[in-house]
Amino acid sequence: MTVKGNESPEEIDAYRPPPPVAELLHELWCSVSGIPYQQFEQLLLGVAKRYRFGSLLPESPGVDAQLAFLRAVHVEELVLARACAAGDEAAWEKFIVLYRETIYHAAYAIAASDSVGRELADSLYAELYGLRDRDGERYSPLLLYHGRGSLAGWLRSVLAQRFIDRHRKVHREVPLDDLAEPVAPSPTLEPSAPSADVTSWIQQAVQATLARLPSEQRFVLSAYYLDGRTLKQISVVLGVHESTVSRSLSRLTASLRKQIVGELRKKGIGRREAEEIMEVDVRDLDVQVKKILQGEAAPAFQDQRALMAEGGESDG
């Protein structure tokens, strides 16, 4: 099996893994098959150096941090993705068996339309196979997968972005906020756990951002994302139309993301790094989001939650 990479060989060659890291690399290599060790080492170290082993600090991370980062990489999926990008037919056949159904089911769910979903999936499928050339060479978006989360989760994210791009292209005059309902994060995603440094940075940024929210916005976020309430239930409590709640959620989540990125940049983190941090799963973080949204709520917010509880009982 041959894999294709887009990491810098010079940066990799300058790094010599300490003995514990070298041992782990060999152990991880033994868990996959059909790839020469040198290619495997270059691929995995390329990803590790790209993300500085998950550290945001200027100094090199210690051995423990390096080991933790490498153990969190989805090694088998990373090797499979890069082999597919290199045009390995056996790898592509395996990819079809494992992920073809995932792609189509996710596309149908995201588009809420069989025809649009199939068009979306077919288009991505062709791109993944590498039908498009870049600088005269076969190119596959699978080169952008770095194993920091599950391959299935990455594919869903790419499909979601493709759907947004398609919506903007086809309906330029219709705001994205007018989509029926925001798509909640899939519970099946399995992103890698962030490092302690990342956790600390994002904890501070999330807490600072959420603490500034008005009580009604806290209520909407808590009801939809933490309590699992529907747009209809929330709209009844607030006395507005469902579409108003949907637009508010879309705008609020987009605004929160920008604000959190802004908080991270205040800490001296670059924009690209801040955007990468935002890809972590909040379930991996020790951020007391529920406490922030609910614990210090204003009386009006508590009244709304009481109404929501009554509404939930009556709906049942």
Protein backbone atom coordinates (compact mmCIF):
# COMPACT_ATOMS: atom_id res chain seq x y z
CA MET A 1 0.00 0.00 0.00
CA THR A 2 1.22 3.46 -0.89
CA VAL A 3 0.02 6.55 0.97
CA LYS A 4 0.05 10.14 -0.18
CA GLY A 5 0.93 13.00 2.12
CA ASN A 6 1.02 16.77 2.04
CA GLU A 7 3.28 17.33 5.04
CA SER A 8 6.67 19.03 4.85
CA PRO A 9 9.51 16.47 4.66
CA GLU A 10 12.03 19.08 5.84
CA GLU A 11 10.11 19.70 9.05
CA ILE A 12 9.77 15.96 9.69
CA ASP A 13 13.45 15.22 9.00
CA ALA A 14 14.47 17.82 11.57
CA TYR A 15 12.67 15.88 14.31
CA ARG A 16 14.07 12.79 15.99
CA PRO A 17 11.50 11.04 18.17
CA PRO A 18 12.69 10.11 21.67
CA PRO A 19 12.73 6.35 22.47
CA PRO A 20 9.21 6.18 24.03
CA VAL A 21 7.74 7.96 20.99
CA ALA A 22 9.66 5.74 18.59
CA GLU A 23 8.37 2.65 20.40
CA LEU A 24 4.79 3.90 20.20
CA LEU A 25 5.17 4.63 16.49
CA HIS A 26 6.29 1.05 15.90
CA GLU A 27 3.42 -0.26 18.01
CA LEU A 28 0.91 1.79 16.05
CA TRP A 29 2.46 0.66 12.77
CA CYS A 30 1.93 -2.97 13.81
CA SER A 31 -1.80 -2.22 14.19
CA VAL A 32 -2.16 -1.42 10.48
CA SER A 33 -1.20 -3.48 7.47
CA GLY A 34 0.27 -3.09 4.02
CA ILE A 35 2.30 0.10 4.51
CA PRO A 36 6.09 0.37 4.81
CA TYR A 37 7.24 1.65 8.19
CA GLN A 38 9.10 4.61 6.71
CA GLN A 39 5.93 5.86 4.98
CA PHE A 40 3.91 5.31 8.13
CA GLU A 41 6.38 7.18 10.32
CA GLN A 42 6.56 10.09 7.88
CA LEU A 43 2.76 10.30 7.68
CA LEU A 44 2.15 10.22 11.43
CA LEU A 45 5.01 12.53 12.35
CA GLY A 46 3.90 14.88 9.59
CA VAL A 47 0.47 15.19 11.19
CA ALA A 48 1.99 15.51 14.66
CA LYS A 49 4.38 18.28 13.60
CA ARG A 50 1.62 20.06 11.69
CA TYR A 51 -0.36 20.38 14.92
CA ARG A 52 2.72 20.68 17.16
CA PHE A 53 1.51 17.60 18.99
CA GLY A 54 -1.63 19.48 20.01
CA SER A 55 0.27 22.18 21.90
CA LEU A 56 -0.29 25.92 21.54
CA LEU A 57 2.78 26.84 23.53
CA PRO A 58 5.92 28.05 21.71
CA GLU A 59 8.22 25.50 23.35
CA SER A 60 8.28 21.87 22.23
CA PRO A 61 5.82 19.62 24.09
CA GLY A 62 7.17 16.98 26.45
CA VAL A 63 7.28 13.26 25.77
CA ASP A 64 3.99 12.63 27.61
CA ALA A 65 2.19 15.19 25.45
CA GLN A 66 3.66 13.68 22.30
CA LEU A 67 2.55 10.19 23.31
CA ALA A 68 -0.96 11.41 24.18
CA PHE A 69 -1.33 13.13 20.81
CA LEU A 70 -0.18 10.10 18.81
CA ARG A 71 -2.44 7.72 20.75
CA ALA A 72 -5.43 9.94 19.94
CA VAL A 73 -4.85 9.81 16.17
CA HIS A 74 -7.25 7.52 14.26
CA VAL A 75 -4.35 5.66 12.68
CA GLU A 76 -6.18 3.06 10.60
CA GLU A 77 -8.57 5.62 9.15
CA LEU A 78 -5.73 8.05 8.42
CA VAL A 79 -3.74 5.40 6.54
CA LEU A 80 -6.83 4.32 4.60
CA ALA A 81 -7.69 7.89 3.62
CA ARG A 82 -4.17 8.67 2.42
CA ALA A 83 -3.97 5.37 0.49
CA CYS A 84 -7.23 6.27 -1.28
CA ALA A 85 -5.81 9.72 -2.07
CA ALA A 86 -2.78 8.00 -3.61
CA GLY A 87 -5.05 6.01 -5.93
CA ASP A 88 -4.68 2.62 -4.23
CA GLU A 89 -7.58 0.57 -5.66
CA ALA A 90 -7.62 -1.96 -2.80
CA ALA A 91 -7.88 0.88 -0.29
CA TRP A 92 -10.66 2.51 -2.31
CA GLU A 93 -12.63 -0.76 -2.37
CA LYS A 94 -12.32 -0.94 1.41
CA PHE A 95 -13.39 2.69 1.69
CA ILE A 96 -16.51 1.94 -0.38
CA VAL A 97 -17.47 -0.94 1.90
CA LEU A 98 -16.94 1.08 5.08
CA TYR A 99 -18.11 4.57 4.16
CA ARG A 100 -20.26 4.64 1.03
CA GLU A 101 -23.47 4.12 3.01
CA THR A 102 -22.34 6.65 5.61
CA ILE A 103 -21.84 9.30 2.93
CA TYR A 104 -25.23 8.82 1.33
CA HIS A 105 -27.16 8.59 4.60
CA ALA A 106 -25.45 11.72 5.92
CA ALA A 107 -26.12 13.58 2.66
CA TYR A 108 -29.83 12.70 2.76
CA ALA A 109 -30.07 13.80 6.40
CA ILE A 110 -28.25 17.10 5.81
CA ALA A 111 -30.14 18.02 2.64
CA ALA A 112 -33.54 16.71 3.84
CA SER A 113 -34.14 15.77 0.20
CA ASP A 114 -33.39 12.53 -1.65
CA SER A 115 -32.52 14.25 -4.92
CA VAL A 116 -30.34 16.97 -3.41
CA GLY A 117 -28.78 14.47 -1.03
CA ARG A 118 -27.83 12.12 -3.87
CA GLU A 119 -26.42 14.99 -5.91
CA LEU A 120 -24.41 16.12 -2.90
CA ALA A 121 -23.08 12.62 -2.17
CA ASP A 122 -22.29 11.83 -5.81
CA SER A 123 -20.36 15.05 -6.18
CA LEU A 124 -18.29 14.45 -3.04
CA TYR A 125 -17.74 10.82 -3.99
CA ALA A 126 -16.21 11.87 -7.31
CA GLU A 127 -13.98 14.41 -5.58
CA LEU A 128 -12.80 11.89 -3.00
CA TYR A 129 -11.86 9.45 -5.73
CA GLY A 130 -9.62 12.10 -7.21
CA LEU A 131 -11.32 12.83 -10.52
CA ARG A 132 -10.21 16.44 -10.27
CA ASP A 133 -6.64 17.44 -11.12
CA ARG A 134 -4.58 20.07 -9.32
CA ASP A 135 -1.40 21.27 -11.02
CA GLY A 136 -1.60 18.31 -13.36
CA GLU A 137 -1.81 15.74 -10.58
CA ARG A 138 -4.68 13.69 -9.23
CA TYR A 139 -6.07 15.40 -6.13
CA SER A 140 -8.41 14.09 -3.44
CA PRO A 141 -9.86 16.05 -0.49
CA LEU A 142 -8.95 13.01 1.62
CA LEU A 143 -5.50 14.60 1.84
CA LEU A 144 -7.09 17.14 4.19
CA TYR A 145 -8.05 14.43 6.69
CA HIS A 146 -5.45 14.24 9.45
CA GLY A 147 -6.90 11.56 11.71
CA ARG A 148 -7.73 13.93 14.57
CA GLY A 149 -11.32 12.71 14.59
CA SER A 150 -13.17 9.80 13.04
CA LEU A 151 -13.19 9.61 9.26
CA ALA A 152 -16.98 9.24 9.33
CA GLY A 153 -17.28 12.46 11.33
CA TRP A 154 -14.93 14.27 8.95
CA LEU A 155 -16.99 13.13 5.96
CA ARG A 156 -20.18 14.45 7.58
CA SER A 157 -18.50 17.79 8.21
CA VAL A 158 -17.36 18.04 4.59
CA LEU A 159 -20.86 17.19 3.37
CA ALA A 160 -22.37 19.84 5.63
CA GLN A 161 -19.97 22.47 4.28
CA ARG A 162 -20.69 21.38 0.69
CA PHE A 163 -24.42 21.76 1.38
CA ILE A 164 -23.93 25.27 2.76
CA ASP A 165 -21.83 26.21 -0.28
CA ARG A 166 -24.47 24.77 -2.60
CA HIS A 167 -27.24 26.68 -0.81
CA ARG A 168 -25.35 29.95 -1.14
CA LYS A 169 -24.71 29.35 -4.81
CA VAL A 170 -28.22 28.27 -5.75
CA HIS A 171 -30.11 30.64 -3.45
CA ARG A 172 -27.97 33.74 -3.33
CA GLU A 173 -30.97 35.89 -2.52
CA VAL A 174 -32.08 33.68 0.41
CA PRO A 175 -30.17 34.16 3.70
CA LEU A 176 -28.70 30.98 5.13
CA ASP A 177 -30.55 31.80 8.34
CA ASP A 178 -33.81 30.90 6.57
CA LEU A 179 -32.98 27.20 6.56
CA ALA A 180 -35.72 25.38 8.44
CA GLU A 181 -33.70 24.35 11.47
CA PRO A 182 -30.03 24.44 12.46
CA VAL A 183 -28.29 21.08 12.34
CA ALA A 184 -27.26 19.98 15.83
CA PRO A 185 -23.86 18.32 16.21
CA SER A 186 -24.01 14.58 15.49
CA PRO A 187 -23.56 12.50 18.67
CA THR A 188 -21.70 9.86 16.66
CA LEU A 189 -18.69 12.04 15.91
CA GLU A 190 -15.52 10.85 17.59
CA PRO A 191 -12.98 13.68 17.48
CA SER A 192 -9.71 13.23 19.30
CA ALA A 193 -9.42 14.60 22.80
CA PRO A 194 -7.75 18.02 22.99
CA SER A 195 -4.55 18.56 24.94
CA ALA A 196 -4.49 20.18 28.36
CA ASP A 197 -3.24 23.42 26.80
CA VAL A 198 -6.14 23.56 24.34
CA THR A 199 -8.62 22.75 27.10
CA SER A 200 -7.34 25.58 29.27
CA TRP A 201 -7.46 28.16 26.44
CA ILE A 202 -10.95 27.24 25.28
CA GLN A 203 -12.33 26.99 28.82
CA GLN A 204 -11.45 30.61 29.44
CA ALA A 205 -12.75 31.75 26.05
CA VAL A 206 -16.09 29.90 26.32
CA GLN A 207 -16.69 31.03 29.88
CA ALA A 208 -15.92 34.66 29.07
CA THR A 209 -18.21 34.60 26.02
CA LEU A 210 -21.19 32.81 27.59
CA ALA A 211 -21.03 34.92 30.72
CA ARG A 212 -21.89 38.02 28.63
CA LEU A 213 -25.07 36.55 27.13
CA PRO A 214 -28.46 38.09 27.97
CA SER A 215 -30.87 35.81 29.84
CA GLU A 216 -33.10 35.11 26.81
CA GLN A 217 -30.17 34.00 24.68
CA ARG A 218 -28.98 31.75 27.47
CA PHE A 219 -32.45 30.26 27.63
CA VAL A 220 -32.60 29.55 23.88
CA LEU A 221 -29.17 27.90 23.84
CA SER A 222 -29.86 25.85 26.95
CA ALA A 223 -33.30 24.74 25.81
CA TYR A 224 -32.21 23.69 22.32
CA TYR A 225 -28.72 22.27 22.82
CA LEU A 226 -28.78 21.06 26.45
CA ASP A 227 -32.43 20.19 27.10
CA GLY A 228 -33.19 18.92 23.59
CA ARG A 229 -36.32 21.07 23.18
CA THR A 230 -37.79 21.60 19.71
CA LEU A 231 -38.06 24.94 17.96
CA LYS A 232 -41.83 24.76 18.39
CA GLN A 233 -41.59 24.30 22.15
CA ILE A 234 -39.18 27.20 22.49
CA SER A 235 -41.29 29.43 20.25
CA VAL A 236 -44.39 28.81 22.38
CA VAL A 237 -42.59 29.88 25.53
CA LEU A 238 -41.12 33.00 23.90
CA GLY A 239 -44.32 33.85 22.05
CA VAL A 240 -42.68 34.01 18.61
CA HIS A 241 -42.75 32.00 15.38
CA GLU A 242 -40.59 28.88 14.95
CA SER A 243 -38.69 30.49 12.09
CA THR A 244 -37.76 33.39 14.36
CA VAL A 245 -36.25 30.97 16.87
CA SER A 246 -34.41 29.15 14.06
CA ARG A 247 -32.92 32.37 12.71
CA SER A 248 -31.99 33.49 16.22
CA LEU A 249 -30.19 30.22 16.90
CA SER A 250 -28.27 30.35 13.65
CA ARG A 251 -27.19 33.94 14.20
CA LEU A 252 -26.38 33.35 17.86
CA THR A 253 -24.21 30.28 17.24
CA ALA A 254 -22.35 32.06 14.44
CA SER A 255 -21.82 35.09 16.68
CA LEU A 256 -20.63 32.93 19.58
CA ARG A 257 -18.08 31.22 17.39
CA LYS A 258 -16.68 34.57 16.26
CA GLN A 259 -16.61 35.86 19.83
CA ILE A 260 -14.82 32.75 21.13
CA VAL A 261 -12.27 32.97 18.31
CA GLY A 262 -11.82 36.63 19.28
CA GLU A 263 -11.22 35.67 22.92
CA LEU A 264 -8.64 33.09 21.84
CA ARG A 265 -6.84 35.66 19.69
CA LYS A 266 -6.65 38.00 22.69
CA LYS A 267 -4.52 35.29 24.29
CA GLY A 268 -2.04 35.63 21.44
CA ILE A 269 -3.28 32.69 19.38
CA GLY A 270 -3.27 33.09 15.60
CA ARG A 271 -6.50 33.00 13.61
CA ARG A 272 -5.74 29.66 11.96
CA GLU A 273 -4.91 28.05 15.30
CA ALA A 274 -8.03 29.54 16.90
CA GLU A 275 -10.18 28.13 14.09
CA GLU A 276 -8.58 24.70 14.58
CA ILE A 277 -9.33 24.84 18.29
CA MET A 278 -13.00 25.39 17.47
CA GLU A 279 -13.06 21.94 15.82
CA VAL A 280 -12.74 20.14 19.16
CA ASP A 281 -15.81 18.51 20.67
CA VAL A 282 -17.13 20.32 23.74
CA ARG A 283 -17.79 16.89 25.28
CA ASP A 284 -14.01 16.52 25.54
CA LEU A 285 -13.69 19.73 27.54
CA ASP A 286 -14.20 20.33 31.23
CA VAL A 287 -16.16 23.50 30.52
CA GLN A 288 -19.18 23.87 32.77
CA VAL A 289 -21.42 25.14 30.00
CA LYS A 290 -24.66 24.09 31.69
CA LYS A 291 -23.68 25.85 34.90
CA ILE A 292 -22.78 29.01 33.01
CA LEU A 293 -26.03 29.01 31.04
CA GLN A 294 -28.34 28.08 33.91
CA GLY A 295 -26.62 28.61 37.25
CA GLU A 296 -26.50 32.41 37.34
CA ALA A 297 -29.63 33.10 35.35
CA ALA A 298 -31.78 36.14 35.84
CA PRO A 299 -35.30 35.68 37.30
CA ALA A 300 -36.89 36.05 33.86
CA PHE A 301 -34.70 33.24 32.58
CA GLN A 302 -35.76 31.01 35.48
CA ASP A 303 -39.40 31.81 34.77
CA GLN A 304 -38.93 30.77 31.15
CA ARG A 305 -37.37 27.48 32.23
CA ALA A 306 -40.34 26.85 34.51
CA LEU A 307 -42.72 27.43 31.62
CA MET A 308 -40.64 25.13 29.46
CA ALA A 309 -40.85 22.39 32.09
CA GLU A 310 -44.62 22.74 32.21
CA GLY A 311 -44.79 22.70 28.41
CA GLY A 312 -42.66 19.55 28.28
CA GLU A 313 -45.02 17.76 30.67
CA SER A 314 -48.07 18.75 28.65
CA ASP A 315 -46.41 17.68 25.37
CA GLY A 316 -45.72 14.26 26.78
